[in-house]
Amino acid sequence: MAECERLRVDNAKLLRSGQMMSTIMHNNTVAMQAAWIEWQHGEGAEGAMEWIENTLEGPGLIPEDEEPHATEAQAYFDANKSDRMYDPALDVAIDAARKEQS
């Protein structure tokens, strides 16, 4: 019974994590859309950059000048994009768990 309860708690934590990531992604997408609207129909590029700066500054995500590639946009993007965080071992673990359930 304790194992069942632990699994329920783990499942709830995973669901909450997914919900949090979805909220973060949605809010960042809406901020980019607002920046685009500001650029096209508001205060232009300066106003649009305020949206982007505020989105990054709040959680402390503006790159420090000392960071690698902090002055080269494409190099910074290439070095920090999310596919570098992808772990194929998770797919293997999920496939193994599914086979156990079958």
C-alpha atoms as a PDB file:
ATOM      1  CA  MET A   1       0.000   0.000   0.000  1.00  0.00           C
ATOM      2  CA  ALA A   2       2.831   2.411   0.822  1.00  0.00           C
ATOM      3  CA  GLU A   3       4.359   1.767  -2.604  1.00  0.00           C
ATOM      4  CA  CYS A   4       1.038   2.597  -4.240  1.00  0.00           C
ATOM      5  CA  GLU A   5       0.794   5.882  -2.329  1.00  0.00           C
ATOM      6  CA  ARG A   6       4.392   6.788  -3.221  1.00  0.00           C
ATOM      7  CA  LEU A   7       3.620   6.182  -6.886  1.00  0.00           C
ATOM      8  CA  ARG A   8       0.513   8.371  -6.628  1.00  0.00           C
ATOM      9  CA  VAL A   9       2.587  11.188  -5.126  1.00  0.00           C
ATOM     10  CA  ASP A  10       5.289  10.763  -7.796  1.00  0.00           C
ATOM     11  CA  ASN A  11       2.630  10.848 -10.510  1.00  0.00           C
ATOM     12  CA  ALA A  12       1.091  14.022  -9.064  1.00  0.00           C
ATOM     13  CA  LYS A  13       4.534  15.666  -8.961  1.00  0.00           C
ATOM     14  CA  LEU A  14       5.166  14.743 -12.595  1.00  0.00           C
ATOM     15  CA  LEU A  15       1.778  16.104 -13.648  1.00  0.00           C
ATOM     16  CA  ARG A  16       2.472  19.339 -11.757  1.00  0.00           C
ATOM     17  CA  SER A  17       5.899  19.648 -13.419  1.00  0.00           C
ATOM     18  CA  GLY A  18       4.305  19.256 -16.843  1.00  0.00           C
ATOM     19  CA  GLN A  19       1.688  21.848 -15.967  1.00  0.00           C
ATOM     20  CA  MET A  20       4.366  24.292 -14.793  1.00  0.00           C
ATOM     21  CA  MET A  21       6.414  23.828 -17.972  1.00  0.00           C
ATOM     22  CA  SER A  22       3.315  24.290 -20.102  1.00  0.00           C
ATOM     23  CA  THR A  23       2.482  27.527 -18.268  1.00  0.00           C
ATOM     24  CA  ILE A  24       6.029  28.851 -18.670  1.00  0.00           C
ATOM     25  CA  MET A  25       6.078  27.999 -22.379  1.00  0.00           C
ATOM     26  CA  HIS A  26       2.662  29.561 -22.931  1.00  0.00           C
ATOM     27  CA  ASN A  27       3.566  32.783 -21.101  1.00  0.00           C
ATOM     28  CA  ASN A  28       6.840  33.121 -23.026  1.00  0.00           C
ATOM     29  CA  THR A  29       5.019  32.573 -26.328  1.00  0.00           C
ATOM     30  CA  VAL A  30       2.409  35.207 -25.423  1.00  0.00           C
ATOM     31  CA  ALA A  31       5.199  37.637 -24.444  1.00  0.00           C
ATOM     32  CA  MET A  32       6.840  37.127 -27.855  1.00  0.00           C
ATOM     33  CA  GLN A  33       3.479  37.657 -29.560  1.00  0.00           C
ATOM     34  CA  ALA A  34       2.951  40.851 -27.549  1.00  0.00           C
ATOM     35  CA  ALA A  35       6.438  42.013 -28.559  1.00  0.00           C
ATOM     36  CA  TRP A  36       5.605  41.391 -32.211  1.00  0.00           C
ATOM     37  CA  ILE A  37       2.325  43.332 -31.853  1.00  0.00           C
ATOM     38  CA  GLU A  38       4.218  46.179 -30.151  1.00  0.00           C
ATOM     39  CA  TRP A  39       6.745  46.211 -33.004  1.00  0.00           C
ATOM     40  CA  GLN A  40       4.075  46.242 -35.724  1.00  0.00           C
ATOM     41  CA  HIS A  41       1.344  48.376 -34.142  1.00  0.00           C
ATOM     42  CA  GLY A  42       2.789  50.115 -31.088  1.00  0.00           C
ATOM     43  CA  GLU A  43       6.079  51.743 -30.188  1.00  0.00           C
ATOM     44  CA  GLY A  44       8.147  49.857 -32.743  1.00  0.00           C
ATOM     45  CA  ALA A  45      11.318  47.889 -32.091  1.00  0.00           C
ATOM     46  CA  GLU A  46      12.181  49.771 -28.877  1.00  0.00           C
ATOM     47  CA  GLY A  47       8.811  48.959 -27.335  1.00  0.00           C
ATOM     48  CA  ALA A  48       9.030  45.359 -28.525  1.00  0.00           C
ATOM     49  CA  MET A  49      12.432  44.926 -26.906  1.00  0.00           C
ATOM     50  CA  GLU A  50      10.949  46.123 -23.602  1.00  0.00           C
ATOM     51  CA  TRP A  51       8.594  43.121 -23.708  1.00  0.00           C
ATOM     52  CA  ILE A  52      11.506  40.779 -24.314  1.00  0.00           C
ATOM     53  CA  GLU A  53      13.709  42.411 -21.680  1.00  0.00           C
ATOM     54  CA  ASN A  54      10.954  42.290 -19.051  1.00  0.00           C
ATOM     55  CA  THR A  55      10.283  38.620 -19.826  1.00  0.00           C
ATOM     56  CA  LEU A  56      13.958  37.758 -19.309  1.00  0.00           C
ATOM     57  CA  GLU A  57      14.794  40.177 -16.514  1.00  0.00           C
ATOM     58  CA  GLY A  58      12.063  39.081 -14.078  1.00  0.00           C
ATOM     59  CA  PRO A  59      13.458  35.566 -13.555  1.00  0.00           C
ATOM     60  CA  GLY A  60      17.072  36.722 -14.027  1.00  0.00           C
ATOM     61  CA  LEU A  61      17.613  35.246 -17.499  1.00  0.00           C
ATOM     62  CA  ILE A  62      19.438  38.112 -19.212  1.00  0.00           C
ATOM     63  CA  PRO A  63      22.866  36.723 -20.177  1.00  0.00           C
ATOM     64  CA  GLU A  64      25.850  38.106 -18.285  1.00  0.00           C
ATOM     65  CA  ASP A  65      28.532  39.706 -20.470  1.00  0.00           C
ATOM     66  CA  GLU A  66      31.040  37.133 -19.167  1.00  0.00           C
ATOM     67  CA  GLU A  67      28.997  34.164 -20.427  1.00  0.00           C
ATOM     68  CA  PRO A  68      30.328  32.315 -23.485  1.00  0.00           C
ATOM     69  CA  HIS A  69      28.921  33.799 -26.705  1.00  0.00           C
ATOM     70  CA  ALA A  70      27.098  36.595 -24.776  1.00  0.00           C
ATOM     71  CA  THR A  71      27.852  39.044 -27.594  1.00  0.00           C
ATOM     72  CA  GLU A  72      27.119  36.684 -30.534  1.00  0.00           C
ATOM     73  CA  ALA A  73      23.388  35.942 -30.860  1.00  0.00           C
ATOM     74  CA  GLN A  74      23.551  32.905 -33.174  1.00  0.00           C
ATOM     75  CA  ALA A  75      26.460  31.308 -31.312  1.00  0.00           C
ATOM     76  CA  TYR A  76      24.662  31.881 -27.983  1.00  0.00           C
ATOM     77  CA  PHE A  77      21.488  30.291 -29.349  1.00  0.00           C
ATOM     78  CA  ASP A  78      23.362  27.316 -30.802  1.00  0.00           C
ATOM     79  CA  ALA A  79      25.207  26.715 -27.523  1.00  0.00           C
ATOM     80  CA  ASN A  80      22.130  27.010 -25.286  1.00  0.00           C
ATOM     81  CA  LYS A  81      19.148  25.676 -27.249  1.00  0.00           C
ATOM     82  CA  SER A  82      17.122  22.935 -25.606  1.00  0.00           C
ATOM     83  CA  ASP A  83      18.163  19.973 -27.744  1.00  0.00           C
ATOM     84  CA  ARG A  84      21.435  20.035 -25.799  1.00  0.00           C
ATOM     85  CA  MET A  85      19.336  19.112 -22.743  1.00  0.00           C
ATOM     86  CA  TYR A  86      17.552  16.185 -24.421  1.00  0.00           C
ATOM     87  CA  ASP A  87      18.377  12.860 -22.783  1.00  0.00           C
ATOM     88  CA  PRO A  88      17.703   9.816 -25.006  1.00  0.00           C
ATOM     89  CA  ALA A  89      18.113   7.592 -21.925  1.00  0.00           C
ATOM     90  CA  LEU A  90      14.646   8.762 -20.832  1.00  0.00           C
ATOM     91  CA  ASP A  91      13.131   7.249 -23.981  1.00  0.00           C
ATOM     92  CA  VAL A  92      14.900   3.968 -23.246  1.00  0.00           C
ATOM     93  CA  ALA A  93      13.605   3.974 -19.649  1.00  0.00           C
ATOM     94  CA  ILE A  94      10.038   4.743 -20.775  1.00  0.00           C
ATOM     95  CA  ASP A  95      10.137   1.977 -23.400  1.00  0.00           C
ATOM     96  CA  ALA A  96      11.450  -0.493 -20.809  1.00  0.00           C
ATOM     97  CA  ALA A  97       8.695   0.454 -18.341  1.00  0.00           C
ATOM     98  CA  ARG A  98       6.043   0.002 -21.037  1.00  0.00           C
ATOM     99  CA  LYS A  99       7.384  -3.463 -21.884  1.00  0.00           C
ATOM    100  CA  GLU A 100       7.239  -4.410 -18.197  1.00  0.00           C
ATOM    101  CA  GLN A 101       3.579  -3.387 -18.072  1.00  0.00           C
ATOM    102  CA  SER A 102       2.699  -5.474 -21.145  1.00  0.00           C
END
